[in-house]
Amino acid sequence: QVQLVESGGGVVQPGGSLRLSCAASGSILVNLAMAWYRQAPGKQRELVASITNGGSPNYADSVKGRFTISRDNAKNTVYLQMNSLKLEDTAVYYCNADVLTRAATRGAYWGQGTQVTVSS
């Protein structure tokens, strides 16, 4: 089994910053791509940013230039640095990991989500 635990959410004013963390643990052989998704009330879950095992990032157009995704493979942890936050960034943020397990199975795993609220 693989578990993902997110932290770092909270309430921030527009223009502020937050840093999310997601630590993966369990029967992990290789942590392949990791990503952050978000879901605002009444909307579908959307990809915010992803990063390959080699460190190549990809961003949604709405966060380019404001958010930075990074990872520490030794710690099986992915981070999302969010700067210049806007009201529309308010959502529950979910961590996702594409994992090859020690049982030689591959699957996508999700964290429980962390709330980010941007409010004046």
PDB file of N, CA and C in Angstrom:
ATOM      1  N   GLN A   1       0.828  -1.198   0.000  1.00  0.00           N
ATOM      2  CA  GLN A   1       0.000   0.000   0.000  1.00  0.00           C
ATOM      3  C   GLN A   1       0.864   1.250   0.000  1.00  0.00           C
ATOM      4  N   VAL A   2       0.296   2.283  -0.554  1.00  0.00           N
ATOM      5  CA  VAL A   2       0.993   3.569  -0.635  1.00  0.00           C
ATOM      6  C   VAL A   2       0.097   4.631  -0.010  1.00  0.00           C
ATOM      7  N   GLN A   3       0.693   5.481   0.812  1.00  0.00           N
ATOM      8  CA  GLN A   3      -0.053   6.575   1.424  1.00  0.00           C
ATOM      9  C   GLN A   3       0.574   7.903   1.041  1.00  0.00           C
ATOM     10  N   LEU A   4      -0.288   8.885   0.802  1.00  0.00           N
ATOM     11  CA  LEU A   4       0.158  10.243   0.517  1.00  0.00           C
ATOM     12  C   LEU A   4      -0.441  11.158   1.582  1.00  0.00           C
ATOM     13  N   VAL A   5       0.408  11.966   2.194  1.00  0.00           N
ATOM     14  CA  VAL A   5      -0.046  12.878   3.231  1.00  0.00           C
ATOM     15  C   VAL A   5       0.349  14.301   2.864  1.00  0.00           C
ATOM     16  N   GLU A   6      -0.655  15.150   2.694  1.00  0.00           N
ATOM     17  CA  GLU A   6      -0.427  16.546   2.316  1.00  0.00           C
ATOM     18  C   GLU A   6      -0.412  17.430   3.558  1.00  0.00           C
ATOM     19  N   SER A   7       0.262  18.555   3.432  1.00  0.00           N
ATOM     20  CA  SER A   7       0.272  19.564   4.486  1.00  0.00           C
ATOM     21  C   SER A   7       0.565  20.917   3.864  1.00  0.00           C
ATOM     22  N   GLY A   8       0.266  21.967   4.617  1.00  0.00           N
ATOM     23  CA  GLY A   8       0.628  23.307   4.185  1.00  0.00           C
ATOM     24  C   GLY A   8      -0.508  24.190   3.727  1.00  0.00           C
ATOM     25  N   GLY A   9      -1.715  23.669   3.683  1.00  0.00           N
ATOM     26  CA  GLY A   9      -2.830  24.504   3.285  1.00  0.00           C
ATOM     27  C   GLY A   9      -3.169  25.531   4.351  1.00  0.00           C
ATOM     28  N   GLY A  10      -4.071  26.447   4.009  1.00  0.00           N
ATOM     29  CA  GLY A  10      -4.459  27.464   4.974  1.00  0.00           C
ATOM     30  C   GLY A  10      -5.193  28.600   4.316  1.00  0.00           C
ATOM     31  N   VAL A  11      -5.304  29.697   5.056  1.00  0.00           N
ATOM     32  CA  VAL A  11      -5.977  30.896   4.572  1.00  0.00           C
ATOM     33  C   VAL A  11      -4.931  31.976   4.345  1.00  0.00           C
ATOM     34  N   VAL A  12      -5.005  32.624   3.201  1.00  0.00           N
ATOM     35  CA  VAL A  12      -4.039  33.652   2.847  1.00  0.00           C
ATOM     36  C   VAL A  12      -4.752  34.760   2.089  1.00  0.00           C
ATOM     37  N   GLN A  13      -4.211  35.954   2.173  1.00  0.00           N
ATOM     38  CA  GLN A  13      -4.787  37.075   1.447  1.00  0.00           C
ATOM     39  C   GLN A  13      -4.336  37.050  -0.010  1.00  0.00           C
ATOM     40  N   PRO A  14      -5.091  37.685  -0.892  1.00  0.00           N
ATOM     41  CA  PRO A  14      -4.655  37.786  -2.290  1.00  0.00           C
ATOM     42  C   PRO A  14      -3.256  38.393  -2.372  1.00  0.00           C
ATOM     43  N   GLY A  15      -2.438  37.800  -3.240  1.00  0.00           N
ATOM     44  CA  GLY A  15      -1.056  38.231  -3.367  1.00  0.00           C
ATOM     45  C   GLY A  15      -0.101  37.507  -2.447  1.00  0.00           C
ATOM     46  N   GLY A  16      -0.629  36.732  -1.530  1.00  0.00           N
ATOM     47  CA  GLY A  16       0.197  36.014  -0.579  1.00  0.00           C
ATOM     48  C   GLY A  16       0.745  34.715  -1.142  1.00  0.00           C
ATOM     49  N   SER A  17       1.443  33.985  -0.271  1.00  0.00           N
ATOM     50  CA  SER A  17       2.103  32.747  -0.677  1.00  0.00           C
ATOM     51  C   SER A  17       1.801  31.623   0.303  1.00  0.00           C
ATOM     52  N   LEU A  18       1.814  30.410  -0.229  1.00  0.00           N
ATOM     53  CA  LEU A  18       1.715  29.195   0.571  1.00  0.00           C
ATOM     54  C   LEU A  18       2.593  28.138  -0.066  1.00  0.00           C
ATOM     55  N   ARG A  19       3.053  27.202   0.749  1.00  0.00           N
ATOM     56  CA  ARG A  19       3.816  26.077   0.242  1.00  0.00           C
ATOM     57  C   ARG A  19       3.168  24.786   0.709  1.00  0.00           C
ATOM     58  N   LEU A  20       2.772  23.972  -0.268  1.00  0.00           N
ATOM     59  CA  LEU A  20       2.190  22.668   0.039  1.00  0.00           C
ATOM     60  C   LEU A  20       3.262  21.584  -0.048  1.00  0.00           C
ATOM     61  N   SER A  21       3.109  20.584   0.803  1.00  0.00           N
ATOM     62  CA  SER A  21       4.002  19.431   0.771  1.00  0.00           C
ATOM     63  C   SER A  21       3.172  18.157   0.713  1.00  0.00           C
ATOM     64  N   CYS A  22       3.719  17.142   0.092  1.00  0.00           N
ATOM     65  CA  CYS A  22       3.054  15.841   0.029  1.00  0.00           C
ATOM     66  C   CYS A  22       4.117  14.758   0.136  1.00  0.00           C
ATOM     67  N   ALA A  23       4.022  13.968   1.191  1.00  0.00           N
ATOM     68  CA  ALA A  23       4.984  12.902   1.423  1.00  0.00           C
ATOM     69  C   ALA A  23       4.344  11.554   1.129  1.00  0.00           C
ATOM     70  N   ALA A  24       5.014  10.777   0.303  1.00  0.00           N
ATOM     71  CA  ALA A  24       4.541   9.434  -0.026  1.00  0.00           C
ATOM     72  C   ALA A  24       5.297   8.403   0.799  1.00  0.00           C
ATOM     73  N   SER A  25       4.593   7.381   1.246  1.00  0.00           N
ATOM     74  CA  SER A  25       5.227   6.329   2.032  1.00  0.00           C
ATOM     75  C   SER A  25       4.544   5.003   1.739  1.00  0.00           C
ATOM     76  N   GLY A  26       5.212   3.930   2.151  1.00  0.00           N
ATOM     77  CA  GLY A  26       4.638   2.606   1.933  1.00  0.00           C
ATOM     78  C   GLY A  26       5.517   1.771   1.029  1.00  0.00           C
ATOM     79  N   SER A  27       4.878   0.887   0.290  1.00  0.00           N
ATOM     80  CA  SER A  27       5.600  -0.072  -0.530  1.00  0.00           C
ATOM     81  C   SER A  27       5.973   0.513  -1.891  1.00  0.00           C
ATOM     82  N   ILE A  28       6.867   1.484  -1.856  1.00  0.00           N
ATOM     83  CA  ILE A  28       7.243   2.209  -3.064  1.00  0.00           C
ATOM     84  C   ILE A  28       8.574   1.691  -3.594  1.00  0.00           C
ATOM     85  N   LEU A  29       8.556   1.248  -4.840  1.00  0.00           N
ATOM     86  CA  LEU A  29       9.812   0.898  -5.500  1.00  0.00           C
ATOM     87  C   LEU A  29      10.351   2.124  -6.248  1.00  0.00           C
ATOM     88  N   VAL A  30       9.478   2.699  -7.067  1.00  0.00           N
ATOM     89  CA  VAL A  30       9.836   3.914  -7.786  1.00  0.00           C
ATOM     90  C   VAL A  30       8.637   4.846  -7.787  1.00  0.00           C
ATOM     91  N   ASN A  31       8.889   6.084  -7.381  1.00  0.00           N
ATOM     92  CA  ASN A  31       7.857   7.115  -7.442  1.00  0.00           C
ATOM     93  C   ASN A  31       8.003   7.792  -8.801  1.00  0.00           C
ATOM     94  N   LEU A  32       7.112   7.529  -9.696  1.00  0.00           N
ATOM     95  CA  LEU A  32       7.225   8.067 -11.058  1.00  0.00           C
ATOM     96  C   LEU A  32       6.751   9.515 -11.043  1.00  0.00           C
ATOM     97  N   ALA A  33       5.826   9.881 -11.881  1.00  0.00           N
ATOM     98  CA  ALA A  33       5.364  11.269 -11.892  1.00  0.00           C
ATOM     99  C   ALA A  33       4.562  11.570 -10.630  1.00  0.00           C
ATOM    100  N   MET A  34       4.698  12.813 -10.164  1.00  0.00           N
ATOM    101  CA  MET A  34       3.893  13.306  -9.058  1.00  0.00           C
ATOM    102  C   MET A  34       3.210  14.583  -9.515  1.00  0.00           C
ATOM    103  N   ALA A  35       2.077  14.870  -8.928  1.00  0.00           N
ATOM    104  CA  ALA A  35       1.306  16.012  -9.413  1.00  0.00           C
ATOM    105  C   ALA A  35       0.427  16.598  -8.310  1.00  0.00           C
ATOM    106  N   TRP A  36      -0.003  17.813  -8.557  1.00  0.00           N
ATOM    107  CA  TRP A  36      -0.999  18.482  -7.727  1.00  0.00           C
ATOM    108  C   TRP A  36      -2.224  18.771  -8.585  1.00  0.00           C
ATOM    109  N   TYR A  37      -3.377  18.431  -8.042  1.00  0.00           N
ATOM    110  CA  TYR A  37      -4.656  18.763  -8.644  1.00  0.00           C
ATOM    111  C   TYR A  37      -5.405  19.650  -7.653  1.00  0.00           C
ATOM    112  N   ARG A  38      -6.447  20.290  -8.149  1.00  0.00           N
ATOM    113  CA  ARG A  38      -7.304  21.058  -7.239  1.00  0.00           C
ATOM    114  C   ARG A  38      -8.756  20.960  -7.695  1.00  0.00           C
ATOM    115  N   GLN A  39      -9.624  21.146  -6.713  1.00  0.00           N
ATOM    116  CA  GLN A  39     -11.055  21.109  -7.001  1.00  0.00           C
ATOM    117  C   GLN A  39     -11.740  22.203  -6.206  1.00  0.00           C
ATOM    118  N   ALA A  40     -12.305  23.139  -6.934  1.00  0.00           N
ATOM    119  CA  ALA A  40     -13.065  24.220  -6.322  1.00  0.00           C
ATOM    120  C   ALA A  40     -14.524  23.790  -6.206  1.00  0.00           C
ATOM    121  N   PRO A  41     -15.285  24.401  -5.313  1.00  0.00           N
ATOM    122  CA  PRO A  41     -16.698  24.031  -5.146  1.00  0.00           C
ATOM    123  C   PRO A  41     -17.465  24.146  -6.456  1.00  0.00           C
ATOM    124  N   GLY A  42     -18.176  23.097  -6.794  1.00  0.00           N
ATOM    125  CA  GLY A  42     -18.985  23.103  -7.997  1.00  0.00           C
ATOM    126  C   GLY A  42     -18.218  22.907  -9.291  1.00  0.00           C
ATOM    127  N   LYS A  43     -16.928  22.660  -9.184  1.00  0.00           N
ATOM    128  CA  LYS A  43     -16.113  22.486 -10.390  1.00  0.00           C
ATOM    129  C   LYS A  43     -15.448  21.114 -10.406  1.00  0.00           C
ATOM    130  N   GLN A  44     -14.984  20.729 -11.589  1.00  0.00           N
ATOM    131  CA  GLN A  44     -14.286  19.460 -11.718  1.00  0.00           C
ATOM    132  C   GLN A  44     -12.847  19.591 -11.212  1.00  0.00           C
ATOM    133  N   ARG A  45     -12.302  18.467 -10.807  1.00  0.00           N
ATOM    134  CA  ARG A  45     -10.905  18.450 -10.394  1.00  0.00           C
ATOM    135  C   ARG A  45     -10.033  18.734 -11.617  1.00  0.00           C
ATOM    136  N   GLU A  46      -9.022  19.587 -11.432  1.00  0.00           N
ATOM    137  CA  GLU A  46      -8.156  19.959 -12.551  1.00  0.00           C
ATOM    138  C   GLU A  46      -6.698  19.817 -12.167  1.00  0.00           C
ATOM    139  N   LEU A  47      -5.881  19.530 -13.170  1.00  0.00           N
ATOM    140  CA  LEU A  47      -4.445  19.425 -12.958  1.00  0.00           C
ATOM    141  C   LEU A  47      -3.856  20.822 -12.779  1.00  0.00           C
ATOM    142  N   VAL A  48      -3.071  20.985 -11.731  1.00  0.00           N
ATOM    143  CA  VAL A  48      -2.385  22.247 -11.482  1.00  0.00           C
ATOM    144  C   VAL A  48      -0.949  22.193 -11.998  1.00  0.00           C
ATOM    145  N   ALA A  49      -0.245  21.148 -11.604  1.00  0.00           N
ATOM    146  CA  ALA A  49       1.156  21.001 -12.004  1.00  0.00           C
ATOM    147  C   ALA A  49       1.565  19.551 -11.812  1.00  0.00           C
ATOM    148  N   SER A  50       2.516  19.118 -12.630  1.00  0.00           N
ATOM    149  CA  SER A  50       3.057  17.772 -12.493  1.00  0.00           C
ATOM    150  C   SER A  50       4.561  17.821 -12.680  1.00  0.00           C
ATOM    151  N   ILE A  51       5.224  16.768 -12.218  1.00  0.00           N
ATOM    152  CA  ILE A  51       6.673  16.709 -12.335  1.00  0.00           C
ATOM    153  C   ILE A  51       7.098  15.263 -12.499  1.00  0.00           C
ATOM    154  N   THR A  52       7.987  15.019 -13.447  1.00  0.00           N
ATOM    155  CA  THR A  52       8.455  13.660 -13.698  1.00  0.00           C
ATOM    156  C   THR A  52       9.479  13.246 -12.646  1.00  0.00           C
ATOM    157  N   ASN A  53       9.811  11.976 -12.659  1.00  0.00           N
ATOM    158  CA  ASN A  53      10.831  11.481 -11.740  1.00  0.00           C
ATOM    159  C   ASN A  53      12.157  12.195 -11.969  1.00  0.00           C
ATOM    160  N   GLY A  54      12.399  12.602 -13.200  1.00  0.00           N
ATOM    161  CA  GLY A  54      13.636  13.311 -13.522  1.00  0.00           C
ATOM    162  C   GLY A  54      13.596  14.797 -13.227  1.00  0.00           C
ATOM    163  N   GLY A  55      12.424  15.297 -12.804  1.00  0.00           N
ATOM    164  CA  GLY A  55      12.330  16.692 -12.404  1.00  0.00           C
ATOM    165  C   GLY A  55      11.782  17.648 -13.449  1.00  0.00           C
ATOM    166  N   SER A  56      11.237  17.144 -14.536  1.00  0.00           N
ATOM    167  CA  SER A  56      10.672  18.028 -15.557  1.00  0.00           C
ATOM    168  C   SER A  56       9.252  18.435 -15.161  1.00  0.00           C
ATOM    169  N   PRO A  57       8.995  19.740 -15.024  1.00  0.00           N
ATOM    170  CA  PRO A  57       7.688  20.200 -14.586  1.00  0.00           C
ATOM    171  C   PRO A  57       6.751  20.529 -15.745  1.00  0.00           C
ATOM    172  N   ASN A  58       5.489  20.552 -15.411  1.00  0.00           N
ATOM    173  CA  ASN A  58       4.462  20.969 -16.358  1.00  0.00           C
ATOM    174  C   ASN A  58       3.399  21.709 -15.552  1.00  0.00           C
ATOM    175  N   TYR A  59       2.874  22.808 -16.113  1.00  0.00           N
ATOM    176  CA  TYR A  59       1.938  23.645 -15.375  1.00  0.00           C
ATOM    177  C   TYR A  59       0.679  23.933 -16.182  1.00  0.00           C
ATOM    178  N   ALA A  60      -0.412  24.093 -15.471  1.00  0.00           N
ATOM    179  CA  ALA A  60      -1.617  24.621 -16.089  1.00  0.00           C
ATOM    180  C   ALA A  60      -1.356  26.085 -16.433  1.00  0.00           C
ATOM    181  N   ASP A  61      -1.965  26.547 -17.507  1.00  0.00           N
ATOM    182  CA  ASP A  61      -1.757  27.930 -17.935  1.00  0.00           C
ATOM    183  C   ASP A  61      -2.128  28.923 -16.834  1.00  0.00           C
ATOM    184  N   SER A  62      -3.125  28.582 -16.046  1.00  0.00           N
ATOM    185  CA  SER A  62      -3.631  29.510 -15.037  1.00  0.00           C
ATOM    186  C   SER A  62      -2.637  29.753 -13.893  1.00  0.00           C
ATOM    187  N   VAL A  63      -1.629  28.893 -13.755  1.00  0.00           N
ATOM    188  CA  VAL A  63      -0.687  29.058 -12.636  1.00  0.00           C
ATOM    189  C   VAL A  63       0.747  29.300 -13.101  1.00  0.00           C
ATOM    190  N   LYS A  64       0.977  29.275 -14.391  1.00  0.00           N
ATOM    191  CA  LYS A  64       2.333  29.493 -14.902  1.00  0.00           C
ATOM    192  C   LYS A  64       2.878  30.832 -14.442  1.00  0.00           C
ATOM    193  N   GLY A  65       4.115  30.810 -13.980  1.00  0.00           N
ATOM    194  CA  GLY A  65       4.750  32.029 -13.506  1.00  0.00           C
ATOM    195  C   GLY A  65       4.450  32.364 -12.064  1.00  0.00           C
ATOM    196  N   ARG A  66       3.486  31.663 -11.459  1.00  0.00           N
ATOM    197  CA  ARG A  66       3.128  31.926 -10.055  1.00  0.00           C
ATOM    198  C   ARG A  66       3.421  30.728  -9.160  1.00  0.00           C
ATOM    199  N   PHE A  67       3.219  29.531  -9.676  1.00  0.00           N
ATOM    200  CA  PHE A  67       3.417  28.307  -8.894  1.00  0.00           C
ATOM    201  C   PHE A  67       4.677  27.598  -9.370  1.00  0.00           C
ATOM    202  N   THR A  68       5.338  26.922  -8.438  1.00  0.00           N
ATOM    203  CA  THR A  68       6.509  26.123  -8.757  1.00  0.00           C
ATOM    204  C   THR A  68       6.395  24.759  -8.088  1.00  0.00           C
ATOM    205  N   ILE A  69       6.488  23.709  -8.903  1.00  0.00           N
ATOM    206  CA  ILE A  69       6.461  22.348  -8.376  1.00  0.00           C
ATOM    207  C   ILE A  69       7.882  21.825  -8.305  1.00  0.00           C
ATOM    208  N   SER A  70       8.189  21.103  -7.246  1.00  0.00           N
ATOM    209  CA  SER A  70       9.507  20.501  -7.098  1.00  0.00           C
ATOM    210  C   SER A  70       9.364  19.199  -6.320  1.00  0.00           C
ATOM    211  N   ARG A  71      10.415  18.404  -6.308  1.00  0.00           N
ATOM    212  CA  ARG A  71      10.340  17.136  -5.590  1.00  0.00           C
ATOM    213  C   ARG A  71      11.689  16.767  -5.010  1.00  0.00           C
ATOM    214  N   ASP A  72      11.638  15.974  -3.962  1.00  0.00           N
ATOM    215  CA  ASP A  72      12.829  15.418  -3.340  1.00  0.00           C
ATOM    216  C   ASP A  72      12.667  13.904  -3.414  1.00  0.00           C
ATOM    217  N   ASN A  73      13.346  13.278  -4.347  1.00  0.00           N
ATOM    218  CA  ASN A  73      13.159  11.843  -4.556  1.00  0.00           C
ATOM    219  C   ASN A  73      13.630  11.023  -3.357  1.00  0.00           C
ATOM    220  N   ALA A  74      14.630  11.499  -2.651  1.00  0.00           N
ATOM    221  CA  ALA A  74      15.126  10.761  -1.484  1.00  0.00           C
ATOM    222  C   ALA A  74      14.067  10.689  -0.387  1.00  0.00           C
ATOM    223  N   LYS A  75      13.196  11.696  -0.356  1.00  0.00           N
ATOM    224  CA  LYS A  75      12.148  11.759   0.665  1.00  0.00           C
ATOM    225  C   LYS A  75      10.777  11.380   0.103  1.00  0.00           C
ATOM    226  N   ASN A  76      10.724  11.047  -1.187  1.00  0.00           N
ATOM    227  CA  ASN A  76       9.427  10.759  -1.830  1.00  0.00           C
ATOM    228  C   ASN A  76       8.418  11.862  -1.555  1.00  0.00           C
ATOM    229  N   THR A  77       8.872  13.083  -1.685  1.00  0.00           N
ATOM    230  CA  THR A  77       8.053  14.244  -1.357  1.00  0.00           C
ATOM    231  C   THR A  77       7.990  15.198  -2.533  1.00  0.00           C
ATOM    232  N   VAL A  78       6.802  15.749  -2.745  1.00  0.00           N
ATOM    233  CA  VAL A  78       6.599  16.762  -3.772  1.00  0.00           C
ATOM    234  C   VAL A  78       6.092  18.025  -3.091  1.00  0.00           C
ATOM    235  N   TYR A  79       6.508  19.156  -3.643  1.00  0.00           N
ATOM    236  CA  TYR A  79       6.150  20.455  -3.081  1.00  0.00           C
ATOM    237  C   TYR A  79       5.452  21.302  -4.138  1.00  0.00           C
ATOM    238  N   LEU A  80       4.645  22.236  -3.681  1.00  0.00           N
ATOM    239  CA  LEU A  80       4.037  23.215  -4.569  1.00  0.00           C
ATOM    240  C   LEU A  80       4.159  24.581  -3.892  1.00  0.00           C
ATOM    241  N   GLN A  81       5.051  25.399  -4.428  1.00  0.00           N
ATOM    242  CA  GLN A  81       5.197  26.762  -3.939  1.00  0.00           C
ATOM    243  C   GLN A  81       4.231  27.637  -4.714  1.00  0.00           C
ATOM    244  N   MET A  82       3.327  28.286  -3.995  1.00  0.00           N
ATOM    245  CA  MET A  82       2.289  29.089  -4.628  1.00  0.00           C
ATOM    246  C   MET A  82       2.487  30.542  -4.233  1.00  0.00           C
ATOM    247  N   ASN A  83       2.803  31.368  -5.214  1.00  0.00           N
ATOM    248  CA  ASN A  83       2.994  32.803  -4.993  1.00  0.00           C
ATOM    249  C   ASN A  83       1.924  33.596  -5.726  1.00  0.00           C
ATOM    250  N   SER A  84       1.789  34.853  -5.358  1.00  0.00           N
ATOM    251  CA  SER A  84       0.818  35.746  -6.011  1.00  0.00           C
ATOM    252  C   SER A  84      -0.549  35.097  -6.090  1.00  0.00           C
ATOM    253  N   LEU A  85      -0.989  34.557  -4.981  1.00  0.00           N
ATOM    254  CA  LEU A  85      -2.261  33.821  -4.967  1.00  0.00           C
ATOM    255  C   LEU A  85      -3.432  34.735  -5.269  1.00  0.00           C
ATOM    256  N   LYS A  86      -4.397  34.168  -5.993  1.00  0.00           N
ATOM    257  CA  LYS A  86      -5.592  34.884  -6.399  1.00  0.00           C
ATOM    258  C   LYS A  86      -6.815  34.236  -5.753  1.00  0.00           C
ATOM    259  N   LEU A  87      -7.908  34.998  -5.730  1.00  0.00           N
ATOM    260  CA  LEU A  87      -9.148  34.454  -5.172  1.00  0.00           C
ATOM    261  C   LEU A  87      -9.532  33.145  -5.850  1.00  0.00           C
ATOM    262  N   GLU A  88      -9.297  33.076  -7.155  1.00  0.00           N
ATOM    263  CA  GLU A  88      -9.699  31.893  -7.916  1.00  0.00           C
ATOM    264  C   GLU A  88      -8.813  30.680  -7.675  1.00  0.00           C
ATOM    265  N   ASP A  89      -7.771  30.828  -6.888  1.00  0.00           N
ATOM    266  CA  ASP A  89      -6.937  29.678  -6.500  1.00  0.00           C
ATOM    267  C   ASP A  89      -7.546  28.918  -5.327  1.00  0.00           C
ATOM    268  N   THR A  90      -8.598  29.452  -4.756  1.00  0.00           N
ATOM    269  CA  THR A  90      -9.256  28.779  -3.636  1.00  0.00           C
ATOM    270  C   THR A  90      -9.810  27.430  -4.077  1.00  0.00           C
ATOM    271  N   ALA A  91      -9.406  26.392  -3.375  1.00  0.00           N
ATOM    272  CA  ALA A  91      -9.813  25.026  -3.728  1.00  0.00           C
ATOM    273  C   ALA A  91      -9.229  24.050  -2.713  1.00  0.00           C
ATOM    274  N   VAL A  92      -9.680  22.803  -2.821  1.00  0.00           N
ATOM    275  CA  VAL A  92      -8.992  21.715  -2.126  1.00  0.00           C
ATOM    276  C   VAL A  92      -7.911  21.200  -3.068  1.00  0.00           C
ATOM    277  N   TYR A  93      -6.702  21.138  -2.579  1.00  0.00           N
ATOM    278  CA  TYR A  93      -5.569  20.689  -3.383  1.00  0.00           C
ATOM    279  C   TYR A  93      -5.234  19.246  -3.029  1.00  0.00           C
ATOM    280  N   TYR A  94      -5.119  18.424  -4.067  1.00  0.00           N
ATOM    281  CA  TYR A  94      -4.844  17.005  -3.894  1.00  0.00           C
ATOM    282  C   TYR A  94      -3.503  16.633  -4.516  1.00  0.00           C
ATOM    283  N   CYS A  95      -2.773  15.817  -3.801  1.00  0.00           N
ATOM    284  CA  CYS A  95      -1.528  15.271  -4.307  1.00  0.00           C
ATOM    285  C   CYS A  95      -1.818  13.944  -5.016  1.00  0.00           C
ATOM    286  N   ASN A  96      -1.108  13.708  -6.086  1.00  0.00           N
ATOM    287  CA  ASN A  96      -1.257  12.470  -6.849  1.00  0.00           C
ATOM    288  C   ASN A  96       0.115  11.916  -7.167  1.00  0.00           C
ATOM    289  N   ALA A  97       0.254  10.595  -7.074  1.00  0.00           N
ATOM    290  CA  ALA A  97       1.539   9.972  -7.397  1.00  0.00           C
ATOM    291  C   ALA A  97       1.316   8.734  -8.249  1.00  0.00           C
ATOM    292  N   ASP A  98       2.118   8.597  -9.263  1.00  0.00           N
ATOM    293  CA  ASP A  98       2.139   7.413 -10.127  1.00  0.00           C
ATOM    294  C   ASP A  98       3.277   6.538  -9.615  1.00  0.00           C
ATOM    295  N   VAL A  99       2.919   5.403  -9.017  1.00  0.00           N
ATOM    296  CA  VAL A  99       3.895   4.638  -8.241  1.00  0.00           C
ATOM    297  C   VAL A  99       4.055   3.229  -8.785  1.00  0.00           C
ATOM    298  N   LEU A 100       5.294   2.802  -8.870  1.00  0.00           N
ATOM    299  CA  LEU A 100       5.609   1.392  -9.100  1.00  0.00           C
ATOM    300  C   LEU A 100       5.942   0.812  -7.735  1.00  0.00           C
ATOM    301  N   THR A 101       5.157  -0.164  -7.311  1.00  0.00           N
ATOM    302  CA  THR A 101       5.321  -0.697  -5.954  1.00  0.00           C
ATOM    303  C   THR A 101       6.329  -1.848  -5.937  1.00  0.00           C
ATOM    304  N   ARG A 102       6.703  -2.230  -4.729  1.00  0.00           N
ATOM    305  CA  ARG A 102       7.634  -3.353  -4.572  1.00  0.00           C
ATOM    306  C   ARG A 102       7.001  -4.672  -5.019  1.00  0.00           C
ATOM    307  N   ALA A 103       5.691  -4.695  -5.099  1.00  0.00           N
ATOM    308  CA  ALA A 103       4.996  -5.880  -5.609  1.00  0.00           C
ATOM    309  C   ALA A 103       4.921  -5.872  -7.120  1.00  0.00           C
ATOM    310  N   ALA A 104       5.625  -4.926  -7.724  1.00  0.00           N
ATOM    311  CA  ALA A 104       5.693  -4.810  -9.191  1.00  0.00           C
ATOM    312  C   ALA A 104       4.350  -4.455  -9.803  1.00  0.00           C
ATOM    313  N   THR A 105       3.527  -3.753  -9.049  1.00  0.00           N
ATOM    314  CA  THR A 105       2.296  -3.218  -9.616  1.00  0.00           C
ATOM    315  C   THR A 105       2.444  -1.715  -9.760  1.00  0.00           C
ATOM    316  N   ARG A 106       1.657  -1.159 -10.643  1.00  0.00           N
ATOM    317  CA  ARG A 106       1.724   0.280 -10.881  1.00  0.00           C
ATOM    318  C   ARG A 106       0.344   0.858 -10.691  1.00  0.00           C
ATOM    319  N   GLY A 107       0.274   1.976  -9.978  1.00  0.00           N
ATOM    320  CA  GLY A 107      -1.023   2.578  -9.777  1.00  0.00           C
ATOM    321  C   GLY A 107      -0.920   4.045  -9.428  1.00  0.00           C
ATOM    322  N   ALA A 108      -2.038   4.718  -9.506  1.00  0.00           N
ATOM    323  CA  ALA A 108      -2.132   6.131  -9.149  1.00  0.00           C
ATOM    324  C   ALA A 108      -2.747   6.244  -7.761  1.00  0.00           C
ATOM    325  N   TYR A 109      -2.112   7.020  -6.927  1.00  0.00           N
ATOM    326  CA  TYR A 109      -2.556   7.178  -5.549  1.00  0.00           C
ATOM    327  C   TYR A 109      -2.849   8.652  -5.270  1.00  0.00           C
ATOM    328  N   TRP A 110      -3.788   8.873  -4.348  1.00  0.00           N
ATOM    329  CA  TRP A 110      -4.231  10.225  -4.021  1.00  0.00           C
ATOM    330  C   TRP A 110      -4.079  10.493  -2.532  1.00  0.00           C
ATOM    331  N   GLY A 111      -3.774  11.758  -2.227  1.00  0.00           N
ATOM    332  CA  GLY A 111      -3.813  12.203  -0.852  1.00  0.00           C
ATOM    333  C   GLY A 111      -5.230  12.581  -0.458  1.00  0.00           C
ATOM    334  N   GLN A 112      -5.390  12.985   0.797  1.00  0.00           N
ATOM    335  CA  GLN A 112      -6.722  13.281   1.324  1.00  0.00           C
ATOM    336  C   GLN A 112      -7.175  14.696   0.990  1.00  0.00           C
ATOM    337  N   GLY A 113      -6.254  15.517   0.525  1.00  0.00           N
ATOM    338  CA  GLY A 113      -6.592  16.890   0.167  1.00  0.00           C
ATOM    339  C   GLY A 113      -6.284  17.876   1.280  1.00  0.00           C
ATOM    340  N   THR A 114      -5.918  19.078   0.879  1.00  0.00           N
ATOM    341  CA  THR A 114      -5.682  20.150   1.844  1.00  0.00           C
ATOM    342  C   THR A 114      -6.330  21.430   1.313  1.00  0.00           C
ATOM    343  N   GLN A 115      -7.031  22.136   2.173  1.00  0.00           N
ATOM    344  CA  GLN A 115      -7.794  23.313   1.757  1.00  0.00           C
ATOM    345  C   GLN A 115      -6.884  24.535   1.646  1.00  0.00           C
ATOM    346  N   VAL A 116      -6.998  25.220   0.527  1.00  0.00           N
ATOM    347  CA  VAL A 116      -6.346  26.508   0.323  1.00  0.00           C
ATOM    348  C   VAL A 116      -7.434  27.537   0.095  1.00  0.00           C
ATOM    349  N   THR A 117      -7.465  28.545   0.934  1.00  0.00           N
ATOM    350  CA  THR A 117      -8.468  29.602   0.817  1.00  0.00           C
ATOM    351  C   THR A 117      -7.769  30.941   0.673  1.00  0.00           C
ATOM    352  N   VAL A 118      -8.072  31.614  -0.425  1.00  0.00           N
ATOM    353  CA  VAL A 118      -7.534  32.955  -0.668  1.00  0.00           C
ATOM    354  C   VAL A 118      -8.683  33.935  -0.457  1.00  0.00           C
ATOM    355  N   SER A 119      -8.519  34.770   0.543  1.00  0.00           N
ATOM    356  CA  SER A 119      -9.622  35.657   0.914  1.00  0.00           C
ATOM    357  C   SER A 119      -9.085  36.963   1.481  1.00  0.00           C
ATOM    358  N   SER A 120      -9.764  38.047   1.133  1.00  0.00           N
ATOM    359  CA  SER A 120      -9.388  39.339   1.677  1.00  0.00           C
ATOM    360  C   SER A 120     -10.197  39.641   2.935  1.00  0.00           C
TER     361      SER A 120
END
